[in-house]
């Protein structure tokens, strides 16, 4: 059970799922909400690296995630219906929260 809940594998899976979801929601079944959710989930999952015993935060990804969320809020503010801040926040919360939850459940090595 330990390998199934490994935070680095979960983060990698979320990144792959975000890429596949973006391709689906952008090309196959166009949905701005879905593509925003997937992009923020994959960037959020890549923000914290769990390859060492202690998690490492990548500052460039933190800046990129903040800019993605801010851009959605600005799009919603300046053109109502143009941005999806809920999808951005939900995707970022999933990408950051699920691997961290797995890290906390497994305990520190």
PDB file of N, CA and C in Angstrom:
ATOM      1  N   UNK A   1       0.813  -1.192   0.000  1.00  0.00           N
ATOM      2  CA  UNK A   1       0.000   0.000   0.000  1.00  0.00           C
ATOM      3  C   UNK A   1       0.859   1.259   0.000  1.00  0.00           C
ATOM      4  N   UNK A   2       2.083   1.164   0.480  1.00  0.00           N
ATOM      5  CA  UNK A   2       2.947   2.332   0.563  1.00  0.00           C
ATOM      6  C   UNK A   2       3.307   2.906  -0.792  1.00  0.00           C
ATOM      7  N   UNK A   3       3.497   2.048  -1.794  1.00  0.00           N
ATOM      8  CA  UNK A   3       3.867   2.562  -3.105  1.00  0.00           C
ATOM      9  C   UNK A   3       2.686   3.171  -3.833  1.00  0.00           C
ATOM     10  N   UNK A   4       1.486   2.730  -3.498  1.00  0.00           N
ATOM     11  CA  UNK A   4       0.319   3.297  -4.163  1.00  0.00           C
ATOM     12  C   UNK A   4       0.063   4.734  -3.736  1.00  0.00           C
ATOM     13  N   UNK A   5       0.370   5.059  -2.504  1.00  0.00           N
ATOM     14  CA  UNK A   5       0.106   6.397  -2.001  1.00  0.00           C
ATOM     15  C   UNK A   5       1.354   7.279  -1.971  1.00  0.00           C
ATOM     16  N   UNK A   6       2.395   6.878  -2.681  1.00  0.00           N
ATOM     17  CA  UNK A   6       3.610   7.686  -2.696  1.00  0.00           C
ATOM     18  C   UNK A   6       3.308   9.060  -3.280  1.00  0.00           C
ATOM     19  N   UNK A   7       3.662  10.124  -2.564  1.00  0.00           N
ATOM     20  CA  UNK A   7       3.310  11.474  -3.041  1.00  0.00           C
ATOM     21  C   UNK A   7       3.958  11.849  -4.367  1.00  0.00           C
ATOM     22  N   UNK A   8       5.174  11.377  -4.622  1.00  0.00           N
ATOM     23  CA  UNK A   8       5.794  11.720  -5.901  1.00  0.00           C
ATOM     24  C   UNK A   8       5.093  11.028  -7.063  1.00  0.00           C
ATOM     25  N   UNK A   9       4.643   9.797  -6.866  1.00  0.00           N
ATOM     26  CA  UNK A   9       3.900   9.101  -7.920  1.00  0.00           C
ATOM     27  C   UNK A   9       2.526   9.726  -8.129  1.00  0.00           C
ATOM     28  N   UNK A  10       1.884  10.133  -7.041  1.00  0.00           N
ATOM     29  CA  UNK A  10       0.588  10.791  -7.142  1.00  0.00           C
ATOM     30  C   UNK A  10       0.711  12.125  -7.874  1.00  0.00           C
ATOM     31  N   UNK A  11       1.757  12.894  -7.550  1.00  0.00           N
ATOM     32  CA  UNK A  11       1.973  14.176  -8.235  1.00  0.00           C
ATOM     33  C   UNK A  11       2.245  13.950  -9.717  1.00  0.00           C
ATOM     34  N   UNK A  12       3.052  12.956 -10.036  1.00  0.00           N
ATOM     35  CA  UNK A  12       3.344  12.653 -11.437  1.00  0.00           C
ATOM     36  C   UNK A  12       2.079  12.229 -12.183  1.00  0.00           C
ATOM     37  N   UNK A  13       1.244  11.440 -11.528  1.00  0.00           N
ATOM     38  CA  UNK A  13      -0.022  11.019 -12.130  1.00  0.00           C
ATOM     39  C   UNK A  13      -0.953  12.204 -12.360  1.00  0.00           C
ATOM     40  N   UNK A  14      -0.981  13.137 -11.404  1.00  0.00           N
ATOM     41  CA  UNK A  14      -1.800  14.345 -11.581  1.00  0.00           C
ATOM     42  C   UNK A  14      -1.285  15.204 -12.735  1.00  0.00           C
ATOM     43  N   UNK A  15       0.028  15.238 -12.906  1.00  0.00           N
ATOM     44  CA  UNK A  15       0.596  15.997 -14.030  1.00  0.00           C
ATOM     45  C   UNK A  15       0.169  15.369 -15.356  1.00  0.00           C
ATOM     46  N   UNK A  16       0.295  14.042 -15.454  1.00  0.00           N
ATOM     47  CA  UNK A  16      -0.120  13.359 -16.693  1.00  0.00           C
ATOM     48  C   UNK A  16      -1.618  13.502 -16.936  1.00  0.00           C
ATOM     49  N   UNK A  17      -2.403  13.398 -15.876  1.00  0.00           N
ATOM     50  CA  UNK A  17      -3.854  13.566 -16.010  1.00  0.00           C
ATOM     51  C   UNK A  17      -4.204  14.992 -16.419  1.00  0.00           C
ATOM     52  N   UNK A  18      -3.446  15.983 -15.920  1.00  0.00           N
ATOM     53  CA  UNK A  18      -3.674  17.369 -16.313  1.00  0.00           C
ATOM     54  C   UNK A  18      -3.375  17.598 -17.786  1.00  0.00           C
ATOM     55  N   UNK A  19      -2.310  16.964 -18.273  1.00  0.00           N
ATOM     56  CA  UNK A  19      -1.973  17.100 -19.694  1.00  0.00           C
ATOM     57  C   UNK A  19      -3.053  16.452 -20.553  1.00  0.00           C
ATOM     58  N   UNK A  20      -3.448  15.235 -20.190  1.00  0.00           N
ATOM     59  CA  UNK A  20      -4.492  14.537 -20.953  1.00  0.00           C
ATOM     60  C   UNK A  20      -5.820  15.293 -20.882  1.00  0.00           C
ATOM     61  N   UNK A  21      -6.141  15.823 -19.710  1.00  0.00           N
ATOM     62  CA  UNK A  21      -7.375  16.586 -19.561  1.00  0.00           C
ATOM     63  C   UNK A  21      -7.361  17.867 -20.369  1.00  0.00           C
ATOM     64  N   UNK A  22      -6.206  18.539 -20.410  1.00  0.00           N
ATOM     65  CA  UNK A  22      -6.119  19.756 -21.212  1.00  0.00           C
ATOM     66  C   UNK A  22      -6.317  19.445 -22.686  1.00  0.00           C
ATOM     67  N   UNK A  23      -5.679  18.387 -23.172  1.00  0.00           N
ATOM     68  CA  UNK A  23      -5.856  18.002 -24.582  1.00  0.00           C
ATOM     69  C   UNK A  23      -7.327  17.691 -24.852  1.00  0.00           C
ATOM     70  N   UNK A  24      -7.961  16.974 -23.920  1.00  0.00           N
ATOM     71  CA  UNK A  24      -9.378  16.626 -24.106  1.00  0.00           C
ATOM     72  C   UNK A  24     -10.252  17.873 -24.113  1.00  0.00           C
ATOM     73  N   UNK A  25     -10.080  18.734 -23.084  1.00  0.00           N
ATOM     74  CA  UNK A  25     -10.967  19.887 -22.949  1.00  0.00           C
ATOM     75  C   UNK A  25     -10.624  21.032 -23.893  1.00  0.00           C
ATOM     76  N   UNK A  26      -9.488  20.983 -24.555  1.00  0.00           N
ATOM     77  CA  UNK A  26      -9.149  22.042 -25.498  1.00  0.00           C
ATOM     78  C   UNK A  26      -9.461  21.629 -26.936  1.00  0.00           C
ATOM     79  N   UNK A  27      -9.155  20.382 -27.281  1.00  0.00           N
ATOM     80  CA  UNK A  27      -9.316  19.959 -28.668  1.00  0.00           C
ATOM     81  C   UNK A  27     -10.569  19.111 -28.911  1.00  0.00           C
ATOM     82  N   UNK A  28     -10.836  18.143 -28.063  1.00  0.00           N
ATOM     83  CA  UNK A  28     -11.913  17.186 -28.317  1.00  0.00           C
ATOM     84  C   UNK A  28     -13.270  17.739 -27.879  1.00  0.00           C
ATOM     85  N   UNK A  29     -13.378  18.125 -26.633  1.00  0.00           N
ATOM     86  CA  UNK A  29     -14.622  18.636 -26.055  1.00  0.00           C
ATOM     87  C   UNK A  29     -14.330  20.016 -25.468  1.00  0.00           C
ATOM     88  N   UNK A  30     -14.338  21.080 -26.270  1.00  0.00           N
ATOM     89  CA  UNK A  30     -13.911  22.403 -25.790  1.00  0.00           C
ATOM     90  C   UNK A  30     -14.691  22.881 -24.562  1.00  0.00           C
ATOM     91  N   UNK A  31     -13.922  23.177 -23.507  1.00  0.00           N
ATOM     92  CA  UNK A  31     -14.496  23.681 -22.267  1.00  0.00           C
ATOM     93  C   UNK A  31     -13.446  24.548 -21.570  1.00  0.00           C
ATOM     94  N   UNK A  32     -13.661  25.856 -21.513  1.00  0.00           N
ATOM     95  CA  UNK A  32     -12.695  26.721 -20.828  1.00  0.00           C
ATOM     96  C   UNK A  32     -12.551  26.373 -19.344  1.00  0.00           C
ATOM     97  N   UNK A  33     -13.644  25.991 -18.693  1.00  0.00           N
ATOM     98  CA  UNK A  33     -13.587  25.603 -17.286  1.00  0.00           C
ATOM     99  C   UNK A  33     -12.695  24.378 -17.101  1.00  0.00           C
ATOM    100  N   UNK A  34     -12.892  23.362 -17.934  1.00  0.00           N
ATOM    101  CA  UNK A  34     -12.113  22.130 -17.834  1.00  0.00           C
ATOM    102  C   UNK A  34     -10.648  22.332 -18.141  1.00  0.00           C
ATOM    103  N   UNK A  35     -10.344  23.109 -19.163  1.00  0.00           N
ATOM    104  CA  UNK A  35      -8.939  23.330 -19.497  1.00  0.00           C
ATOM    105  C   UNK A  35      -8.244  24.159 -18.427  1.00  0.00           C
ATOM    106  N   UNK A  36      -8.939  25.135 -17.841  1.00  0.00           N
ATOM    107  CA  UNK A  36      -8.362  25.911 -16.749  1.00  0.00           C
ATOM    108  C   UNK A  36      -8.104  25.027 -15.536  1.00  0.00           C
ATOM    109  N   UNK A  37      -9.048  24.166 -15.220  1.00  0.00           N
ATOM    110  CA  UNK A  37      -8.900  23.245 -14.101  1.00  0.00           C
ATOM    111  C   UNK A  37      -7.692  22.332 -14.307  1.00  0.00           C
ATOM    112  N   UNK A  38      -7.548  21.774 -15.489  1.00  0.00           N
ATOM    113  CA  UNK A  38      -6.458  20.834 -15.764  1.00  0.00           C
ATOM    114  C   UNK A  38      -5.096  21.513 -15.741  1.00  0.00           C
ATOM    115  N   UNK A  39      -4.990  22.688 -16.325  1.00  0.00           N
ATOM    116  CA  UNK A  39      -3.701  23.381 -16.339  1.00  0.00           C
ATOM    117  C   UNK A  39      -3.274  23.755 -14.925  1.00  0.00           C
ATOM    118  N   UNK A  40      -4.192  24.248 -14.113  1.00  0.00           N
ATOM    119  CA  UNK A  40      -3.842  24.614 -12.747  1.00  0.00           C
ATOM    120  C   UNK A  40      -3.533  23.384 -11.900  1.00  0.00           C
ATOM    121  N   UNK A  41      -4.201  22.273 -12.158  1.00  0.00           N
ATOM    122  CA  UNK A  41      -3.898  21.039 -11.420  1.00  0.00           C
ATOM    123  C   UNK A  41      -2.504  20.530 -11.759  1.00  0.00           C
ATOM    124  N   UNK A  42      -2.125  20.572 -13.026  1.00  0.00           N
ATOM    125  CA  UNK A  42      -0.799  20.062 -13.381  1.00  0.00           C
ATOM    126  C   UNK A  42       0.308  20.982 -12.903  1.00  0.00           C
ATOM    127  N   UNK A  43       0.109  22.280 -12.944  1.00  0.00           N
ATOM    128  CA  UNK A  43       1.125  23.194 -12.412  1.00  0.00           C
ATOM    129  C   UNK A  43       1.186  23.085 -10.886  1.00  0.00           C
ATOM    130  N   UNK A  44       0.035  22.942 -10.242  1.00  0.00           N
ATOM    131  CA  UNK A  44       0.013  22.781  -8.795  1.00  0.00           C
ATOM    132  C   UNK A  44       0.694  21.497  -8.349  1.00  0.00           C
ATOM    133  N   UNK A  45       0.512  20.422  -9.102  1.00  0.00           N
ATOM    134  CA  UNK A  45       1.151  19.151  -8.750  1.00  0.00           C
ATOM    135  C   UNK A  45       2.659  19.212  -8.930  1.00  0.00           C
ATOM    136  N   UNK A  46       3.129  20.028  -9.845  1.00  0.00           N
ATOM    137  CA  UNK A  46       4.566  20.149 -10.051  1.00  0.00           C
ATOM    138  C   UNK A  46       5.237  21.163  -9.145  1.00  0.00           C
ATOM    139  N   UNK A  47       4.468  21.900  -8.376  1.00  0.00           N
ATOM    140  CA  UNK A  47       5.017  22.963  -7.532  1.00  0.00           C
ATOM    141  C   UNK A  47       5.858  22.419  -6.390  1.00  0.00           C
ATOM    142  N   UNK A  48       5.430  21.321  -5.784  1.00  0.00           N
ATOM    143  CA  UNK A  48       6.165  20.745  -4.657  1.00  0.00           C
ATOM    144  C   UNK A  48       6.729  19.397  -5.092  1.00  0.00           C
ATOM    145  N   UNK A  49       8.051  19.229  -4.913  1.00  0.00           N
ATOM    146  CA  UNK A  49       8.725  17.979  -5.270  1.00  0.00           C
ATOM    147  C   UNK A  49       8.878  17.118  -4.028  1.00  0.00           C
ATOM    148  N   UNK A  50       8.494  15.855  -4.136  1.00  0.00           N
ATOM    149  CA  UNK A  50       8.555  14.935  -3.006  1.00  0.00           C
ATOM    150  C   UNK A  50       9.598  13.848  -3.220  1.00  0.00           C
ATOM    151  N   UNK A  51      10.656  14.127  -3.964  1.00  0.00           N
ATOM    152  CA  UNK A  51      11.656  13.104  -4.255  1.00  0.00           C
ATOM    153  C   UNK A  51      12.618  12.893  -3.094  1.00  0.00           C
ATOM    154  N   UNK A  52      12.814  13.866  -2.252  1.00  0.00           N
ATOM    155  CA  UNK A  52      13.687  13.726  -1.087  1.00  0.00           C
ATOM    156  C   UNK A  52      12.827  13.510   0.157  1.00  0.00           C
ATOM    157  N   UNK A  53      13.438  13.191   1.286  1.00  0.00           N
ATOM    158  CA  UNK A  53      12.638  12.986   2.504  1.00  0.00           C
ATOM    159  C   UNK A  53      11.849  14.220   2.925  1.00  0.00           C
ATOM    160  N   UNK A  54      12.329  15.385   2.551  1.00  0.00           N
ATOM    161  CA  UNK A  54      11.638  16.624   2.893  1.00  0.00           C
ATOM    162  C   UNK A  54      11.127  17.282   1.609  1.00  0.00           C
ATOM    163  N   UNK A  55       9.864  17.704   1.556  1.00  0.00           N
ATOM    164  CA  UNK A  55       9.337  18.324   0.324  1.00  0.00           C
ATOM    165  C   UNK A  55      10.094  19.593  -0.043  1.00  0.00           C
ATOM    166  N   UNK A  56      10.262  19.796  -1.340  1.00  0.00           N
ATOM    167  CA  UNK A  56      10.967  20.963  -1.864  1.00  0.00           C
ATOM    168  C   UNK A  56      10.020  21.756  -2.754  1.00  0.00           C
ATOM    169  N   UNK A  57       9.869  23.035  -2.464  1.00  0.00           N
ATOM    170  CA  UNK A  57       8.994  23.914  -3.239  1.00  0.00           C
ATOM    171  C   UNK A  57       9.807  24.566  -4.356  1.00  0.00           C
ATOM    172  N   UNK A  58       9.287  24.500  -5.575  1.00  0.00           N
ATOM    173  CA  UNK A  58       9.945  25.112  -6.726  1.00  0.00           C
ATOM    174  C   UNK A  58       9.408  26.538  -6.882  1.00  0.00           C
ATOM    175  N   UNK A  59      10.248  27.557  -6.624  1.00  0.00           N
ATOM    176  CA  UNK A  59       9.762  28.944  -6.635  1.00  0.00           C
ATOM    177  C   UNK A  59       9.194  29.397  -7.981  1.00  0.00           C
ATOM    178  N   UNK A  60       9.760  28.927  -9.078  1.00  0.00           N
ATOM    179  CA  UNK A  60       9.251  29.324 -10.395  1.00  0.00           C
ATOM    180  C   UNK A  60       7.826  28.835 -10.600  1.00  0.00           C
ATOM    181  N   UNK A  61       7.527  27.615 -10.150  1.00  0.00           N
ATOM    182  CA  UNK A  61       6.173  27.092 -10.283  1.00  0.00           C
ATOM    183  C   UNK A  61       5.195  27.818  -9.361  1.00  0.00           C
ATOM    184  N   UNK A  62       5.669  28.252  -8.200  1.00  0.00           N
ATOM    185  CA  UNK A  62       4.801  29.030  -7.305  1.00  0.00           C
ATOM    186  C   UNK A  62       4.401  30.329  -8.000  1.00  0.00           C
ATOM    187  N   UNK A  63       5.374  30.999  -8.616  1.00  0.00           N
ATOM    188  CA  UNK A  63       5.093  32.240  -9.347  1.00  0.00           C
ATOM    189  C   UNK A  63       4.155  31.983 -10.517  1.00  0.00           C
ATOM    190  N   UNK A  64       4.392  30.906 -11.253  1.00  0.00           N
ATOM    191  CA  UNK A  64       3.542  30.578 -12.393  1.00  0.00           C
ATOM    192  C   UNK A  64       2.115  30.265 -11.955  1.00  0.00           C
ATOM    193  N   UNK A  65       1.965  29.516 -10.872  1.00  0.00           N
ATOM    194  CA  UNK A  65       0.627  29.188 -10.372  1.00  0.00           C
ATOM    195  C   UNK A  65      -0.094  30.446  -9.895  1.00  0.00           C
ATOM    196  N   UNK A  66       0.623  31.331  -9.221  1.00  0.00           N
ATOM    197  CA  UNK A  66       0.014  32.585  -8.767  1.00  0.00           C
ATOM    198  C   UNK A  66      -0.420  33.440  -9.959  1.00  0.00           C
ATOM    199  N   UNK A  67       0.389  33.480 -10.999  1.00  0.00           N
ATOM    200  CA  UNK A  67       0.015  34.252 -12.194  1.00  0.00           C
ATOM    201  C   UNK A  67      -1.192  33.644 -12.912  1.00  0.00           C
ATOM    202  N   UNK A  68      -1.259  32.326 -12.955  1.00  0.00           N
ATOM    203  CA  UNK A  68      -2.417  31.683 -13.583  1.00  0.00           C
ATOM    204  C   UNK A  68      -3.704  31.991 -12.825  1.00  0.00           C
ATOM    205  N   UNK A  69      -3.652  31.914 -11.506  1.00  0.00           N
ATOM    206  CA  UNK A  69      -4.843  32.203 -10.703  1.00  0.00           C
ATOM    207  C   UNK A  69      -5.209  33.677 -10.806  1.00  0.00           C
ATOM    208  N   UNK A  70      -4.214  34.557 -10.718  1.00  0.00           N
ATOM    209  CA  UNK A  70      -4.464  35.996 -10.820  1.00  0.00           C
ATOM    210  C   UNK A  70      -5.052  36.356 -12.180  1.00  0.00           C
ATOM    211  N   UNK A  71      -4.553  35.726 -13.239  1.00  0.00           N
ATOM    212  CA  UNK A  71      -5.081  36.033 -14.579  1.00  0.00           C
ATOM    213  C   UNK A  71      -6.552  35.642 -14.697  1.00  0.00           C
ATOM    214  N   UNK A  72      -6.946  34.543 -14.068  1.00  0.00           N
ATOM    215  CA  UNK A  72      -8.352  34.147 -14.118  1.00  0.00           C
ATOM    216  C   UNK A  72      -9.242  35.124 -13.350  1.00  0.00           C
ATOM    217  N   UNK A  73      -8.749  35.609 -12.210  1.00  0.00           N
ATOM    218  CA  UNK A  73      -9.516  36.615 -11.467  1.00  0.00           C
ATOM    219  C   UNK A  73      -9.619  37.917 -12.253  1.00  0.00           C
ATOM    220  N   UNK A  74      -8.535  38.320 -12.902  1.00  0.00           N
ATOM    221  CA  UNK A  74      -8.571  39.557 -13.694  1.00  0.00           C
ATOM    222  C   UNK A  74      -9.480  39.412 -14.911  1.00  0.00           C
ATOM    223  N   UNK A  75      -9.450  38.249 -15.556  1.00  0.00           N
ATOM    224  CA  UNK A  75     -10.352  38.023 -16.687  1.00  0.00           C
ATOM    225  C   UNK A  75     -11.810  38.075 -16.251  1.00  0.00           C
ATOM    226  N   UNK A  76     -12.099  37.510 -15.089  1.00  0.00           N
ATOM    227  CA  UNK A  76     -13.472  37.539 -14.586  1.00  0.00           C
ATOM    228  C   UNK A  76     -13.889  38.955 -14.204  1.00  0.00           C
ATOM    229  N   UNK A  77     -12.949  39.721 -13.668  1.00  0.00           N
ATOM    230  CA  UNK A  77     -13.263  41.086 -13.242  1.00  0.00           C
ATOM    231  C   UNK A  77     -13.504  42.011 -14.431  1.00  0.00           C
ATOM    232  N   UNK A  78     -12.649  41.905 -15.455  1.00  0.00           N
ATOM    233  CA  UNK A  78     -12.751  42.834 -16.580  1.00  0.00           C
ATOM    234  C   UNK A  78     -13.734  42.382 -17.662  1.00  0.00           C
ATOM    235  N   UNK A  79     -13.966  41.090 -17.775  1.00  0.00           N
ATOM    236  CA  UNK A  79     -14.963  40.612 -18.735  1.00  0.00           C
ATOM    237  C   UNK A  79     -15.744  39.481 -18.066  1.00  0.00           C
ATOM    238  N   UNK A  80     -16.870  39.812 -17.444  1.00  0.00           N
ATOM    239  CA  UNK A  80     -17.648  38.780 -16.732  1.00  0.00           C
ATOM    240  C   UNK A  80     -17.956  37.594 -17.645  1.00  0.00           C
ATOM    241  N   UNK A  81     -17.690  36.431 -17.143  1.00  0.00           N
ATOM    242  CA  UNK A  81     -17.869  35.215 -17.929  1.00  0.00           C
ATOM    243  C   UNK A  81     -16.631  34.839 -18.709  1.00  0.00           C
ATOM    244  N   UNK A  82     -15.603  35.677 -18.688  1.00  0.00           N
ATOM    245  CA  UNK A  82     -14.392  35.411 -19.459  1.00  0.00           C
ATOM    246  C   UNK A  82     -13.375  34.574 -18.720  1.00  0.00           C
ATOM    247  N   UNK A  83     -13.374  34.650 -17.403  1.00  0.00           N
ATOM    248  CA  UNK A  83     -12.420  33.885 -16.614  1.00  0.00           C
ATOM    249  C   UNK A  83     -13.119  32.857 -15.748  1.00  0.00           C
ATOM    250  N   UNK A  84     -12.340  31.934 -15.245  1.00  0.00           N
ATOM    251  CA  UNK A  84     -12.884  30.878 -14.390  1.00  0.00           C
ATOM    252  C   UNK A  84     -12.034  30.767 -13.130  1.00  0.00           C
ATOM    253  N   UNK A  85     -12.186  31.720 -12.193  1.00  0.00           N
ATOM    254  CA  UNK A  85     -11.358  31.664 -10.983  1.00  0.00           C
ATOM    255  C   UNK A  85     -11.675  30.467 -10.101  1.00  0.00           C
ATOM    256  N   UNK A  86     -12.896  29.977 -10.112  1.00  0.00           N
ATOM    257  CA  UNK A  86     -13.237  28.789  -9.337  1.00  0.00           C
ATOM    258  C   UNK A  86     -12.486  27.561  -9.831  1.00  0.00           C
ATOM    259  N   UNK A  87     -12.404  27.421 -11.146  1.00  0.00           N
ATOM    260  CA  UNK A  87     -11.666  26.297 -11.719  1.00  0.00           C
ATOM    261  C   UNK A  87     -10.183  26.419 -11.417  1.00  0.00           C
ATOM    262  N   UNK A  88      -9.664  27.646 -11.451  1.00  0.00           N
ATOM    263  CA  UNK A  88      -8.246  27.851 -11.152  1.00  0.00           C
ATOM    264  C   UNK A  88      -7.931  27.495  -9.707  1.00  0.00           C
ATOM    265  N   UNK A  89      -8.778  27.917  -8.789  1.00  0.00           N
ATOM    266  CA  UNK A  89      -8.545  27.617  -7.379  1.00  0.00           C
ATOM    267  C   UNK A  89      -8.740  26.129  -7.090  1.00  0.00           C
ATOM    268  N   UNK A  90      -9.748  25.522  -7.683  1.00  0.00           N
ATOM    269  CA  UNK A  90      -9.988  24.097  -7.466  1.00  0.00           C
ATOM    270  C   UNK A  90      -8.842  23.249  -8.025  1.00  0.00           C
ATOM    271  N   UNK A  91      -8.377  23.588  -9.207  1.00  0.00           N
ATOM    272  CA  UNK A  91      -7.258  22.847  -9.796  1.00  0.00           C
ATOM    273  C   UNK A  91      -5.984  23.003  -8.989  1.00  0.00           C
ATOM    274  N   UNK A  92      -5.711  24.223  -8.529  1.00  0.00           N
ATOM    275  CA  UNK A  92      -4.515  24.445  -7.715  1.00  0.00           C
ATOM    276  C   UNK A  92      -4.624  23.710  -6.383  1.00  0.00           C
ATOM    277  N   UNK A  93      -5.808  23.711  -5.796  1.00  0.00           N
ATOM    278  CA  UNK A  93      -5.996  23.006  -4.527  1.00  0.00           C
ATOM    279  C   UNK A  93      -5.828  21.500  -4.704  1.00  0.00           C
ATOM    280  N   UNK A  94      -6.330  20.946  -5.797  1.00  0.00           N
ATOM    281  CA  UNK A  94      -6.147  19.519  -6.048  1.00  0.00           C
ATOM    282  C   UNK A  94      -4.682  19.190  -6.298  1.00  0.00           C
ATOM    283  N   UNK A  95      -4.025  19.981  -7.128  1.00  0.00           N
ATOM    284  CA  UNK A  95      -2.633  19.716  -7.471  1.00  0.00           C
ATOM    285  C   UNK A  95      -1.695  19.860  -6.287  1.00  0.00           C
ATOM    286  N   UNK A  96      -1.952  20.815  -5.425  1.00  0.00           N
ATOM    287  CA  UNK A  96      -1.116  20.997  -4.241  1.00  0.00           C
ATOM    288  C   UNK A  96      -1.537  20.096  -3.088  1.00  0.00           C
ATOM    289  N   UNK A  97      -2.839  19.938  -2.908  1.00  0.00           N
ATOM    290  CA  UNK A  97      -3.351  19.285  -1.719  1.00  0.00           C
ATOM    291  C   UNK A  97      -3.286  17.771  -1.729  1.00  0.00           C
ATOM    292  N   UNK A  98      -3.586  17.128  -2.843  1.00  0.00           N
ATOM    293  CA  UNK A  98      -3.623  15.665  -2.858  1.00  0.00           C
ATOM    294  C   UNK A  98      -2.250  15.035  -2.598  1.00  0.00           C
ATOM    295  N   UNK A  99      -1.168  15.473  -3.265  1.00  0.00           N
ATOM    296  CA  UNK A  99       0.137  14.892  -2.921  1.00  0.00           C
ATOM    297  C   UNK A  99       0.574  15.232  -1.486  1.00  0.00           C
ATOM    298  N   UNK A 100       0.241  16.427  -1.014  1.00  0.00           N
ATOM    299  CA  UNK A 100       0.609  16.780   0.355  1.00  0.00           C
ATOM    300  C   UNK A 100      -0.160  15.925   1.359  1.00  0.00           C
ATOM    301  N   UNK A 101      -1.418  15.661   1.076  1.00  0.00           N
ATOM    302  CA  UNK A 101      -2.203  14.792   1.944  1.00  0.00           C
ATOM    303  C   UNK A 101      -1.603  13.393   1.973  1.00  0.00           C
ATOM    304  N   UNK A 102      -1.181  12.907   0.827  1.00  0.00           N
ATOM    305  CA  UNK A 102      -0.523  11.605   0.765  1.00  0.00           C
ATOM    306  C   UNK A 102       0.778  11.617   1.563  1.00  0.00           C
ATOM    307  N   UNK A 103       1.527  12.688   1.476  1.00  0.00           N
ATOM    308  CA  UNK A 103       2.776  12.827   2.234  1.00  0.00           C
ATOM    309  C   UNK A 103       2.504  12.797   3.734  1.00  0.00           C
ATOM    310  N   UNK A 104       1.461  13.479   4.166  1.00  0.00           N
ATOM    311  CA  UNK A 104       1.129  13.516   5.584  1.00  0.00           C
ATOM    312  C   UNK A 104       0.582  12.182   6.088  1.00  0.00           C
ATOM    313  N   UNK A 105      -0.178  11.467   5.255  1.00  0.00           N
ATOM    314  CA  UNK A 105      -0.732  10.184   5.649  1.00  0.00           C
ATOM    315  C   UNK A 105       0.378   9.130   5.778  1.00  0.00           C
ATOM    316  N   UNK A 106       1.286   9.124   4.831  1.00  0.00           N
ATOM    317  CA  UNK A 106       2.380   8.130   4.834  1.00  0.00           C
ATOM    318  C   UNK A 106       3.334   8.370   5.988  1.00  0.00           C
ATOM    319  N   UNK A 107       3.427   9.583   6.456  1.00  0.00           N
ATOM    320  CA  UNK A 107       4.385   9.900   7.519  1.00  0.00           C
ATOM    321  C   UNK A 107       5.746  10.222   6.937  1.00  0.00           C
ATOM    322  N   UNK A 108       6.555  10.799   7.731  1.00  0.00           N
ATOM    323  CA  UNK A 108       7.893  11.187   7.276  1.00  0.00           C
ATOM    324  C   UNK A 108       8.806   9.962   7.300  1.00  0.00           C
ATOM    325  N   UNK A 109       9.592   9.774   6.244  1.00  0.00           N
ATOM    326  CA  UNK A 109      10.464   8.587   6.186  1.00  0.00           C
ATOM    327  C   UNK A 109      11.603   8.654   7.190  1.00  0.00           C
TER     328      UNK A 109
END
